[in-house]
């Protein structure tokens, strides 16, 4: 009986110890639940008050959460939670939303598109970012729509204004992209060099005519402009130009960024053959 009593005492102590551990574990779980509840409340209030259309989807492309502004833009209702993003009919002139989200999930890379509301409505910048867990595992994507309508319309107006200036300039002018391909040339350029749009636009500056711009020193200057935002001032070119004969040209060029990440080079060309000939005769 004494031995049994000692065993019971030992068991009682073990049960008391287990009970203390369970009490500690229960307190930890309660603390975790409180933290989770607080985090959920913070997330709910954040999504409810942010003035940006945001949609969260899982790896299966099913909608998890969305902000109130997303309801109008994407025609969402609370019952849409759990539906595939490709099943909704957003108020956008954009038909590849599910494909874009799938690319983000598959490649874990950011995707960006400019999208417009139906009926020539407002413009938005759509960003699709990977959704990652705390341990950096891929678990879906986050879609956000930023209103860029005012900026885009201002850029469009500025571009139209700049195009009008270039088109009506008396001296030949061309716009080159970052790869030194001609995106635009004005009327004076086509008239001066007697070339067509088909012979010019989309081609490398060095491939025009009979290679008249393929000059090592000029190549170095263009590279310097493209990489270091330098400029070309009064660079003289004397060459046997196709259809024109031997002419002397002065080149001036500047790099511009009409929008972030898009670099262009504005090249102005002045024919000084006559002036140079008069100067030499005098």
Protein backbone atom coordinates (compact mmCIF):
# COMPACT_ATOMS: atom_id res chain seq x y z
CA UNK A 1 0.00 0.00 0.00
CA UNK A 2 2.89 2.31 0.81
CA UNK A 3 4.47 1.49 -2.55
CA UNK A 4 1.15 2.09 -4.33
CA UNK A 5 0.74 5.35 -2.48
CA UNK A 6 4.21 6.45 -3.60
CA UNK A 7 3.37 5.54 -7.20
CA UNK A 8 0.12 7.49 -6.96
CA UNK A 9 2.04 10.45 -5.55
CA UNK A 10 4.51 10.24 -8.43
CA UNK A 11 1.67 10.00 -10.95
CA UNK A 12 0.02 12.98 -9.29
CA UNK A 13 3.20 15.00 -9.66
CA UNK A 14 3.51 13.94 -13.31
CA UNK A 15 -0.12 14.89 -13.95
CA UNK A 16 0.44 18.21 -12.20
CA UNK A 17 3.52 18.80 -14.36
CA UNK A 18 1.59 17.85 -17.51
CA UNK A 19 -1.23 20.12 -16.45
CA UNK A 20 1.21 23.00 -16.04
CA UNK A 21 2.62 22.32 -19.50
CA UNK A 22 -0.88 22.21 -20.97
CA UNK A 23 -1.71 25.46 -19.19
CA UNK A 24 1.44 27.07 -20.64
CA UNK A 25 0.62 25.70 -24.11
CA UNK A 26 -2.95 26.94 -23.82
CA UNK A 27 -1.69 30.42 -22.90
CA UNK A 28 0.64 30.36 -25.90
CA UNK A 29 -2.23 29.31 -28.17
CA UNK A 30 -4.41 32.06 -26.75
CA UNK A 31 -1.63 34.58 -27.40
CA UNK A 32 -1.23 33.26 -30.95
CA UNK A 33 -4.98 33.48 -31.50
CA UNK A 34 -4.95 37.06 -30.23
CA UNK A 35 -2.04 37.92 -32.55
CA UNK A 36 -3.80 36.28 -35.49
CA UNK A 37 -7.04 38.06 -34.65
CA UNK A 38 -5.19 41.38 -34.41
CA UNK A 39 -3.37 40.75 -37.71
CA UNK A 40 -6.66 39.80 -39.38
CA UNK A 41 -8.32 42.94 -38.02
CA UNK A 42 -5.41 45.07 -39.22
CA UNK A 43 -5.56 43.46 -42.68
CA UNK A 44 -9.34 43.87 -42.87
CA UNK A 45 -9.13 47.54 -41.89
CA UNK A 46 -6.19 48.14 -44.24
CA UNK A 47 -7.98 46.61 -47.22
CA UNK A 48 -11.19 48.37 -46.28
CA UNK A 49 -9.61 51.84 -46.18
CA UNK A 50 -7.00 51.72 -48.92
CA UNK A 51 -8.09 53.70 -51.97
CA UNK A 52 -6.54 51.30 -54.47
CA UNK A 53 -8.16 48.37 -56.23
CA UNK A 54 -6.40 45.26 -54.90
CA UNK A 55 -7.26 41.61 -55.47
CA UNK A 56 -5.48 38.62 -53.88
CA UNK A 57 -5.63 35.22 -55.57
CA UNK A 58 -4.18 31.82 -54.70
CA UNK A 59 -2.07 29.45 -56.78
CA UNK A 60 -5.32 28.07 -58.18
CA UNK A 61 -6.18 31.60 -59.38
CA UNK A 62 -9.19 31.74 -57.10
CA UNK A 63 -10.02 35.07 -55.44
CA UNK A 64 -9.20 35.33 -51.72
CA UNK A 65 -9.72 38.98 -50.86
CA UNK A 66 -10.34 42.29 -52.57
CA UNK A 67 -10.63 45.94 -51.57
CA UNK A 68 -13.87 47.99 -51.92
CA UNK A 69 -12.54 50.00 -54.93
CA UNK A 70 -11.97 46.69 -56.75
CA UNK A 71 -15.68 45.88 -56.54
CA UNK A 72 -16.68 48.57 -59.03
CA UNK A 73 -13.65 48.29 -61.31
CA UNK A 74 -13.78 44.49 -61.59
CA UNK A 75 -17.54 44.00 -61.05
CA UNK A 76 -16.99 41.95 -57.90
CA UNK A 77 -19.39 40.98 -55.11
CA UNK A 78 -18.63 39.18 -51.81
CA UNK A 79 -19.95 35.93 -53.33
CA UNK A 80 -17.08 36.06 -55.89
CA UNK A 81 -14.57 35.03 -53.24
CA UNK A 82 -13.52 31.52 -54.23
CA UNK A 83 -14.20 32.05 -57.95
CA UNK A 84 -11.45 31.88 -60.54
CA UNK A 85 -10.20 35.27 -61.69
CA UNK A 86 -10.94 34.26 -65.29
CA UNK A 87 -14.65 33.82 -64.46
CA UNK A 88 -15.24 37.44 -63.53
CA UNK A 89 -16.15 40.09 -66.10
CA UNK A 90 -14.19 43.22 -65.16
CA UNK A 91 -15.14 46.67 -66.37
CA UNK A 92 -11.94 46.78 -68.45
CA UNK A 93 -10.97 46.56 -72.10
CA UNK A 94 -8.57 43.74 -71.28
CA UNK A 95 -9.20 40.07 -72.03
CA UNK A 96 -5.99 38.41 -70.79
CA UNK A 97 -6.27 38.95 -67.05
CA UNK A 98 -6.17 35.26 -66.09
CA UNK A 99 -3.27 34.60 -68.46
CA UNK A 100 -1.32 37.51 -66.98
CA UNK A 101 -1.89 36.23 -63.43
CA UNK A 102 -0.89 32.71 -64.50
CA UNK A 103 2.40 34.06 -65.92
CA UNK A 104 3.15 35.73 -62.58
CA UNK A 105 2.39 32.56 -60.61
CA UNK A 106 4.44 30.37 -62.99
CA UNK A 107 7.44 32.68 -63.34
CA UNK A 108 7.30 34.55 -59.98
CA UNK A 109 7.99 37.80 -61.84
CA UNK A 110 6.20 41.15 -61.80
CA UNK A 111 3.86 41.82 -64.72
CA UNK A 112 2.66 45.30 -65.71
CA UNK A 113 0.08 46.49 -68.22
CA UNK A 114 -1.76 49.72 -68.94
CA UNK A 115 -5.48 48.96 -69.03
CA UNK A 116 -8.48 51.15 -69.73
CA UNK A 117 -12.03 51.05 -68.44
CA UNK A 118 -14.63 50.15 -71.02
CA UNK A 119 -16.13 52.93 -73.08
CA UNK A 120 -12.89 54.94 -73.29
CA UNK A 121 -12.88 55.33 -69.51
CA UNK A 122 -10.02 55.98 -67.14
CA UNK A 123 -6.58 54.44 -67.53
CA UNK A 124 -5.05 52.23 -64.84
CA UNK A 125 -1.63 50.69 -64.36
CA UNK A 126 -2.17 47.00 -63.60
CA UNK A 127 0.59 45.37 -61.55
CA UNK A 128 0.54 41.64 -60.82
CA UNK A 129 3.06 40.67 -58.13
CA UNK A 130 3.89 37.24 -56.68
CA UNK A 131 2.20 36.45 -53.34
CA UNK A 132 4.81 34.93 -51.04
CA UNK A 133 4.42 33.42 -47.58
CA UNK A 134 6.62 34.31 -44.61
CA UNK A 135 9.00 31.46 -45.59
CA UNK A 136 9.24 32.75 -49.20
CA UNK A 137 6.98 30.11 -50.72
CA UNK A 138 4.87 31.05 -53.72
CA UNK A 139 1.18 31.09 -52.82
CA UNK A 140 -0.60 33.11 -55.48
CA UNK A 141 -0.54 36.68 -56.76
CA UNK A 142 -1.61 40.20 -55.80
CA UNK A 143 -3.28 42.39 -58.42
CA UNK A 144 -3.29 46.17 -57.96
CA UNK A 145 -4.78 48.87 -60.19
CA UNK A 146 -3.32 52.36 -59.91
CA UNK A 147 -5.24 55.24 -61.48
CA UNK A 148 -2.87 56.88 -64.00
CA UNK A 149 -5.50 58.54 -66.16
CA UNK A 150 -4.40 62.14 -65.55
CA UNK A 151 -0.74 61.29 -66.05
CA UNK A 152 -1.38 59.32 -69.22
CA UNK A 153 -3.60 61.97 -70.76
CA UNK A 154 -1.01 64.63 -69.90
CA UNK A 155 1.70 62.50 -71.50
CA UNK A 156 -0.46 61.97 -74.58
CA UNK A 157 -1.05 65.71 -74.90
CA UNK A 158 2.66 66.41 -74.42
CA UNK A 159 3.53 63.76 -76.99
CA UNK A 160 1.08 65.24 -79.50
CA UNK A 161 2.52 68.69 -78.88
CA UNK A 162 6.09 67.42 -79.31
CA UNK A 163 5.12 65.48 -82.45
CA UNK A 164 3.57 68.64 -83.92
CA UNK A 165 6.73 70.63 -83.22
CA UNK A 166 8.96 67.96 -84.76
CA UNK A 167 6.71 67.45 -87.77
CA UNK A 168 6.63 71.16 -88.58
CA UNK A 169 10.31 71.84 -87.94
CA UNK A 170 12.15 73.16 -91.00
CA UNK A 171 15.23 71.03 -90.39
CA UNK A 172 15.24 67.22 -90.68
CA UNK A 173 14.61 65.46 -87.35
CA UNK A 174 14.33 61.82 -86.31
CA UNK A 175 13.48 60.06 -83.03
CA UNK A 176 15.57 56.99 -82.16
CA UNK A 177 14.72 54.34 -79.57
CA UNK A 178 17.24 52.90 -77.11
CA UNK A 179 18.42 50.45 -79.80
CA UNK A 180 19.04 53.36 -82.21
CA UNK A 181 16.16 52.37 -84.47
CA UNK A 182 14.13 55.16 -86.02
CA UNK A 183 10.66 55.42 -84.51
CA UNK A 184 9.66 58.73 -86.10
CA UNK A 185 10.99 61.08 -88.77
CA UNK A 186 9.53 64.42 -89.78
CA UNK A 187 8.46 65.66 -93.18
CA UNK A 188 11.64 67.70 -93.64
CA UNK A 189 13.74 64.54 -93.22
CA UNK A 190 11.83 62.65 -95.91
CA UNK A 191 11.98 65.60 -98.28
CA UNK A 192 15.68 66.32 -97.70
CA UNK A 193 16.93 62.75 -98.03
CA UNK A 194 14.28 61.69 -100.58
CA UNK A 195 13.33 58.48 -98.75
CA UNK A 196 9.99 56.89 -97.85
CA UNK A 197 8.50 55.84 -94.51
CA UNK A 198 9.05 52.17 -95.42
CA UNK A 199 12.75 52.78 -96.03
CA UNK A 200 13.17 54.62 -92.74
CA UNK A 201 10.97 53.73 -89.77
CA UNK A 202 12.02 50.72 -87.74
CA UNK A 203 15.51 50.61 -89.25
CA UNK A 204 18.84 51.22 -87.54
CA UNK A 205 20.22 54.70 -88.12
CA UNK A 206 23.40 53.06 -89.45
CA UNK A 207 21.48 51.13 -92.13
CA UNK A 208 19.92 54.14 -93.81
CA UNK A 209 20.80 54.91 -97.42
CA UNK A 210 24.25 53.65 -98.29
CA UNK A 211 25.47 53.53 -94.70
CA UNK A 212 25.98 57.27 -94.58
CA UNK A 213 25.57 57.42 -90.79
CA UNK A 214 27.75 54.36 -90.12
CA UNK A 215 30.71 56.39 -88.88
CA UNK A 216 32.86 55.03 -86.01
CA UNK A 217 33.08 58.41 -84.26
CA UNK A 218 29.31 58.91 -84.56
CA UNK A 219 28.70 55.39 -83.25
CA UNK A 220 30.77 56.21 -80.17
CA UNK A 221 28.78 59.41 -79.59
CA UNK A 222 25.45 57.59 -79.87
CA UNK A 223 26.65 54.95 -77.40
CA UNK A 224 27.70 57.72 -75.02
CA UNK A 225 24.26 59.34 -75.29
CA UNK A 226 22.43 56.07 -74.72
CA UNK A 227 24.49 54.97 -71.71
CA UNK A 228 25.58 58.20 -70.04
CA UNK A 229 22.93 60.73 -71.06
CA UNK A 230 25.52 62.73 -72.97
CA UNK A 231 24.78 64.85 -76.04
CA UNK A 232 25.99 65.52 -79.56
CA UNK A 233 26.72 69.15 -80.41
CA UNK A 234 27.56 70.33 -83.93
CA UNK A 235 29.00 67.03 -85.16
CA UNK A 236 29.97 67.52 -88.80
CA UNK A 237 29.44 64.77 -91.36
CA UNK A 238 30.70 65.05 -94.91
CA UNK A 239 29.53 62.19 -97.07
CA UNK A 240 28.33 61.09 -100.49
CA UNK A 241 24.65 60.83 -99.64
CA UNK A 242 22.36 58.58 -101.66
CA UNK A 243 20.27 60.65 -104.13
CA UNK A 244 21.84 63.90 -102.86
CA UNK A 245 25.48 63.70 -103.78
CA UNK A 246 28.24 65.02 -101.57
CA UNK A 247 26.82 67.05 -98.72
CA UNK A 248 27.97 68.42 -95.38
CA UNK A 249 25.64 67.91 -92.44
CA UNK A 250 25.69 69.13 -88.84
CA UNK A 251 24.17 66.77 -86.24
CA UNK A 252 22.81 67.63 -82.80
CA UNK A 253 21.28 65.01 -80.52
CA UNK A 254 19.79 64.79 -77.00
CA UNK A 255 18.47 61.91 -74.92
CA UNK A 256 14.97 62.28 -73.47
CA UNK A 257 12.78 60.09 -71.23
CA UNK A 258 9.11 60.76 -72.03
CA UNK A 259 8.20 58.17 -69.40
CA UNK A 260 10.07 56.13 -66.83
CA UNK A 261 12.19 53.40 -68.40
CA UNK A 262 11.66 54.60 -71.98
CA UNK A 263 14.70 56.34 -73.45
CA UNK A 264 14.63 58.13 -76.77
CA UNK A 265 17.16 60.17 -78.72
CA UNK A 266 16.12 63.29 -80.64
CA UNK A 267 18.43 63.86 -83.61
CA UNK A 268 18.37 67.13 -85.58
CA UNK A 269 20.21 67.42 -88.91
CA UNK A 270 21.18 70.66 -90.66
CA UNK A 271 22.53 70.80 -94.22
CA UNK A 272 25.35 73.39 -94.27
CA UNK A 273 26.77 72.51 -97.68
CA UNK A 274 25.87 75.87 -99.22
CA UNK A 275 27.08 77.91 -96.25
CA UNK A 276 30.36 76.03 -96.18
CA UNK A 277 30.84 76.52 -99.91
CA UNK A 278 30.20 80.27 -99.59
CA UNK A 279 32.64 80.51 -96.70
CA UNK A 280 35.30 78.69 -98.69
CA UNK A 281 34.80 80.96 -101.75
CA UNK A 282 35.16 84.08 -99.66
